[in-house]
Amino acid sequence: MYSYAIRPGAMTLAAARRIYQEPVEVRLDGSADAAVQASVDAVNQIVAEDRTVYGINTGFGLLANTRIERENLKLLQRSLVLSHATGLG
């Protein structure tokens, strides 16, 4: 098994094929930390300002115009990840 560090903007088709075909431990490279934190900060600001933003505090697809209440946002995001992980939803 080999280890692959995902770096922003550095994924190649060859690397993706190798990850698909061989046992691999995938991790984020430390260079992604700042970008991840910037995303966290942006989402937190949107929620704090009570703005309506698709995918953060709305439903998805046909439910895009449905506002999700603050107390249900963690469940919304968890459900999104689970639906993508299982291929359902």
N, C-alpha and C. Protein backbone atom coordinates (compact mmCIF):
# COMPACT_ATOMS: atom_id res chain seq x y z
N MET A 1 0.85 -1.18 0.00
CA MET A 1 0.00 0.00 0.00
C MET A 1 0.89 1.24 0.00
N TYR A 2 0.47 2.23 -0.76
CA TYR A 2 1.23 3.47 -0.77
C TYR A 2 0.36 4.60 -0.24
N SER A 3 0.97 5.73 0.01
CA SER A 3 0.27 6.90 0.54
C SER A 3 0.23 7.99 -0.53
N TYR A 4 -0.92 8.66 -0.65
CA TYR A 4 -1.05 9.74 -1.61
C TYR A 4 -1.59 10.96 -0.89
N ALA A 5 -0.90 12.07 -1.03
CA ALA A 5 -1.34 13.33 -0.42
C ALA A 5 -2.01 14.19 -1.49
N ILE A 6 -3.27 14.50 -1.27
CA ILE A 6 -4.00 15.36 -2.20
C ILE A 6 -3.57 16.80 -1.97
N ARG A 7 -3.07 17.42 -3.04
CA ARG A 7 -2.67 18.83 -3.00
C ARG A 7 -3.60 19.62 -3.91
N PRO A 8 -4.09 20.76 -3.47
CA PRO A 8 -4.99 21.56 -4.31
C PRO A 8 -4.39 21.84 -5.68
N GLY A 9 -5.14 21.49 -6.72
CA GLY A 9 -4.72 21.76 -8.09
C GLY A 9 -3.69 20.81 -8.65
N ALA A 10 -3.38 19.74 -7.93
CA ALA A 10 -2.28 18.88 -8.37
C ALA A 10 -2.72 17.47 -8.77
N MET A 11 -4.01 17.15 -8.74
CA MET A 11 -4.47 15.81 -9.09
C MET A 11 -4.32 15.58 -10.59
N THR A 12 -3.73 14.45 -10.93
CA THR A 12 -3.57 14.09 -12.33
C THR A 12 -4.43 12.87 -12.63
N LEU A 13 -4.69 12.63 -13.90
CA LEU A 13 -5.44 11.45 -14.29
C LEU A 13 -4.68 10.19 -13.90
N ALA A 14 -3.38 10.19 -14.06
CA ALA A 14 -2.56 9.03 -13.69
C ALA A 14 -2.68 8.74 -12.20
N ALA A 15 -2.65 9.78 -11.38
CA ALA A 15 -2.78 9.58 -9.93
C ALA A 15 -4.17 9.04 -9.59
N ALA A 16 -5.20 9.57 -10.23
CA ALA A 16 -6.56 9.10 -9.97
C ALA A 16 -6.71 7.63 -10.35
N ARG A 17 -6.13 7.25 -11.47
CA ARG A 17 -6.18 5.84 -11.88
C ARG A 17 -5.47 4.94 -10.87
N ARG A 18 -4.31 5.38 -10.42
CA ARG A 18 -3.57 4.57 -9.46
C ARG A 18 -4.34 4.43 -8.15
N ILE A 19 -4.96 5.51 -7.69
CA ILE A 19 -5.76 5.46 -6.47
C ILE A 19 -6.92 4.48 -6.64
N TYR A 20 -7.53 4.47 -7.82
CA TYR A 20 -8.65 3.58 -8.10
C TYR A 20 -8.20 2.13 -8.16
N GLN A 21 -7.01 1.88 -8.70
CA GLN A 21 -6.59 0.51 -8.99
C GLN A 21 -5.79 -0.16 -7.89
N GLU A 22 -5.19 0.60 -7.00
CA GLU A 22 -4.30 0.01 -6.00
C GLU A 22 -4.75 0.39 -4.59
N PRO A 23 -4.39 -0.45 -3.61
CA PRO A 23 -4.64 -0.05 -2.22
C PRO A 23 -3.83 1.21 -1.90
N VAL A 24 -4.49 2.17 -1.31
CA VAL A 24 -3.82 3.45 -1.06
C VAL A 24 -4.38 4.11 0.19
N GLU A 25 -3.54 4.80 0.89
CA GLU A 25 -3.97 5.66 2.00
C GLU A 25 -3.97 7.08 1.45
N VAL A 26 -5.14 7.69 1.38
CA VAL A 26 -5.27 9.04 0.83
C VAL A 26 -5.42 10.02 1.99
N ARG A 27 -4.70 11.13 1.90
CA ARG A 27 -4.79 12.17 2.92
C ARG A 27 -4.68 13.52 2.26
N LEU A 28 -5.09 14.56 2.96
CA LEU A 28 -4.91 15.92 2.47
C LEU A 28 -3.51 16.39 2.81
N ASP A 29 -2.85 17.00 1.85
CA ASP A 29 -1.56 17.61 2.07
C ASP A 29 -1.75 18.82 2.98
N GLY A 30 -0.76 19.11 3.78
CA GLY A 30 -0.83 20.25 4.69
C GLY A 30 -1.08 21.57 3.98
N SER A 31 -0.73 21.65 2.70
CA SER A 31 -0.95 22.88 1.95
C SER A 31 -2.43 23.18 1.75
N ALA A 32 -3.29 22.21 2.01
CA ALA A 32 -4.74 22.42 1.87
C ALA A 32 -5.36 23.04 3.12
N ASP A 33 -4.62 23.06 4.21
CA ASP A 33 -5.18 23.53 5.48
C ASP A 33 -5.76 24.94 5.39
N ALA A 34 -5.04 25.86 4.77
CA ALA A 34 -5.51 27.24 4.69
C ALA A 34 -6.80 27.35 3.88
N ALA A 35 -6.89 26.60 2.79
CA ALA A 35 -8.09 26.64 1.96
C ALA A 35 -9.29 26.04 2.70
N VAL A 36 -9.06 24.95 3.42
CA VAL A 36 -10.14 24.34 4.20
C VAL A 36 -10.63 25.31 5.27
N GLN A 37 -9.70 25.95 5.97
CA GLN A 37 -10.08 26.90 7.01
C GLN A 37 -10.83 28.10 6.43
N ALA A 38 -10.41 28.56 5.27
CA ALA A 38 -11.11 29.68 4.62
C ALA A 38 -12.55 29.29 4.29
N SER A 39 -12.76 28.05 3.87
CA SER A 39 -14.11 27.57 3.57
C SER A 39 -14.95 27.49 4.84
N VAL A 40 -14.36 26.98 5.91
CA VAL A 40 -15.06 26.91 7.20
C VAL A 40 -15.48 28.30 7.64
N ASP A 41 -14.55 29.24 7.55
CA ASP A 41 -14.84 30.62 7.96
C ASP A 41 -15.96 31.23 7.12
N ALA A 42 -15.95 30.98 5.82
CA ALA A 42 -16.99 31.53 4.94
C ALA A 42 -18.36 30.97 5.29
N VAL A 43 -18.44 29.66 5.51
CA VAL A 43 -19.72 29.04 5.87
C VAL A 43 -20.20 29.57 7.22
N ASN A 44 -19.30 29.67 8.19
CA ASN A 44 -19.69 30.18 9.51
C ASN A 44 -20.21 31.62 9.41
N GLN A 45 -19.60 32.43 8.56
CA GLN A 45 -20.05 33.81 8.39
C GLN A 45 -21.45 33.85 7.76
N ILE A 46 -21.68 33.02 6.78
CA ILE A 46 -23.00 32.95 6.13
C ILE A 46 -24.07 32.58 7.15
N VAL A 47 -23.78 31.59 7.97
CA VAL A 47 -24.75 31.15 8.98
C VAL A 47 -24.95 32.25 10.03
N ALA A 48 -23.86 32.88 10.47
CA ALA A 48 -23.96 33.94 11.48
C ALA A 48 -24.77 35.12 10.98
N GLU A 49 -24.65 35.43 9.69
CA GLU A 49 -25.39 36.56 9.10
C GLU A 49 -26.81 36.17 8.69
N ASP A 50 -27.16 34.90 8.89
CA ASP A 50 -28.49 34.38 8.57
C ASP A 50 -28.85 34.58 7.10
N ARG A 51 -27.84 34.50 6.23
CA ARG A 51 -28.08 34.59 4.79
C ARG A 51 -28.54 33.24 4.26
N THR A 52 -29.33 33.25 3.21
CA THR A 52 -29.77 32.01 2.57
C THR A 52 -28.83 31.72 1.41
N VAL A 53 -28.14 30.59 1.48
CA VAL A 53 -27.17 30.21 0.45
C VAL A 53 -27.39 28.74 0.10
N TYR A 54 -27.56 28.49 -1.19
CA TYR A 54 -27.81 27.13 -1.68
C TYR A 54 -26.76 26.16 -1.15
N GLY A 55 -27.22 25.04 -0.63
CA GLY A 55 -26.34 23.97 -0.19
C GLY A 55 -25.79 24.15 1.21
N ILE A 56 -25.91 25.34 1.75
CA ILE A 56 -25.46 25.56 3.12
C ILE A 56 -26.66 25.52 4.05
N ASN A 57 -27.70 26.26 3.69
CA ASN A 57 -28.90 26.25 4.53
C ASN A 57 -30.18 26.19 3.70
N THR A 58 -30.07 25.53 2.54
CA THR A 58 -31.25 25.23 1.72
C THR A 58 -31.24 23.76 1.38
N GLY A 59 -32.38 23.29 0.87
CA GLY A 59 -32.40 21.94 0.33
C GLY A 59 -31.63 21.91 -0.98
N PHE A 60 -31.66 20.77 -1.65
CA PHE A 60 -30.91 20.59 -2.89
C PHE A 60 -31.88 20.25 -4.03
N GLY A 61 -31.46 20.53 -5.25
CA GLY A 61 -32.28 20.19 -6.41
C GLY A 61 -33.63 20.88 -6.36
N LEU A 62 -34.70 20.10 -6.41
CA LEU A 62 -36.05 20.67 -6.39
C LEU A 62 -36.36 21.38 -5.08
N LEU A 63 -35.59 21.10 -4.04
CA LEU A 63 -35.81 21.74 -2.74
C LEU A 63 -34.87 22.93 -2.52
N ALA A 64 -34.28 23.43 -3.59
CA ALA A 64 -33.31 24.52 -3.49
C ALA A 64 -33.91 25.78 -2.88
N ASN A 65 -35.19 25.98 -3.03
CA ASN A 65 -35.83 27.17 -2.47
C ASN A 65 -36.41 26.94 -1.08
N THR A 66 -36.12 25.79 -0.50
CA THR A 66 -36.60 25.47 0.84
C THR A 66 -35.50 25.79 1.85
N ARG A 67 -35.77 26.72 2.73
CA ARG A 67 -34.80 27.12 3.76
C ARG A 67 -34.80 26.09 4.88
N ILE A 68 -33.61 25.68 5.29
CA ILE A 68 -33.45 24.73 6.39
C ILE A 68 -33.13 25.52 7.65
N GLU A 69 -33.84 25.23 8.72
CA GLU A 69 -33.62 25.95 9.97
C GLU A 69 -32.25 25.62 10.56
N ARG A 70 -31.70 26.59 11.28
CA ARG A 70 -30.35 26.48 11.84
C ARG A 70 -30.14 25.19 12.64
N GLU A 71 -31.14 24.80 13.42
CA GLU A 71 -30.98 23.61 14.26
C GLU A 71 -30.91 22.32 13.45
N ASN A 72 -31.23 22.37 12.16
CA ASN A 72 -31.18 21.18 11.31
C ASN A 72 -30.02 21.18 10.32
N LEU A 73 -29.13 22.17 10.39
CA LEU A 73 -28.06 22.28 9.41
C LEU A 73 -27.05 21.14 9.49
N LYS A 74 -26.71 20.71 10.70
CA LYS A 74 -25.77 19.59 10.83
C LYS A 74 -26.36 18.33 10.21
N LEU A 75 -27.62 18.09 10.45
CA LEU A 75 -28.29 16.92 9.87
C LEU A 75 -28.33 17.04 8.34
N LEU A 76 -28.60 18.23 7.82
CA LEU A 76 -28.61 18.45 6.37
C LEU A 76 -27.26 18.07 5.77
N GLN A 77 -26.18 18.58 6.34
CA GLN A 77 -24.86 18.31 5.78
C GLN A 77 -24.47 16.84 5.94
N ARG A 78 -24.81 16.24 7.08
CA ARG A 78 -24.52 14.82 7.28
C ARG A 78 -25.28 13.98 6.26
N SER A 79 -26.55 14.30 6.05
CA SER A 79 -27.36 13.56 5.09
C SER A 79 -26.81 13.70 3.68
N LEU A 80 -26.30 14.88 3.34
CA LEU A 80 -25.70 15.08 2.02
C LEU A 80 -24.49 14.17 1.83
N VAL A 81 -23.62 14.14 2.82
CA VAL A 81 -22.43 13.29 2.72
C VAL A 81 -22.83 11.82 2.62
N LEU A 82 -23.77 11.39 3.44
CA LEU A 82 -24.21 9.99 3.40
C LEU A 82 -24.86 9.65 2.06
N SER A 83 -25.65 10.56 1.50
CA SER A 83 -26.30 10.26 0.22
C SER A 83 -25.27 10.11 -0.89
N HIS A 84 -24.21 10.91 -0.84
CA HIS A 84 -23.16 10.79 -1.85
C HIS A 84 -22.33 9.53 -1.63
N ALA A 85 -22.12 9.18 -0.37
CA ALA A 85 -21.31 7.99 -0.06
C ALA A 85 -22.00 6.71 -0.49
N THR A 86 -23.34 6.71 -0.47
CA THR A 86 -24.08 5.50 -0.82
C THR A 86 -24.61 5.51 -2.24
N GLY A 87 -24.51 6.65 -2.90
CA GLY A 87 -25.01 6.76 -4.26
C GLY A 87 -26.52 6.90 -4.33
N LEU A 88 -27.14 7.25 -3.20
CA LEU A 88 -28.59 7.44 -3.14
C LEU A 88 -28.89 8.88 -2.79
N GLY A 89 -30.11 9.30 -3.06
CA GLY A 89 -30.51 10.60 -2.55
C GLY A 89 -30.89 11.57 -3.57
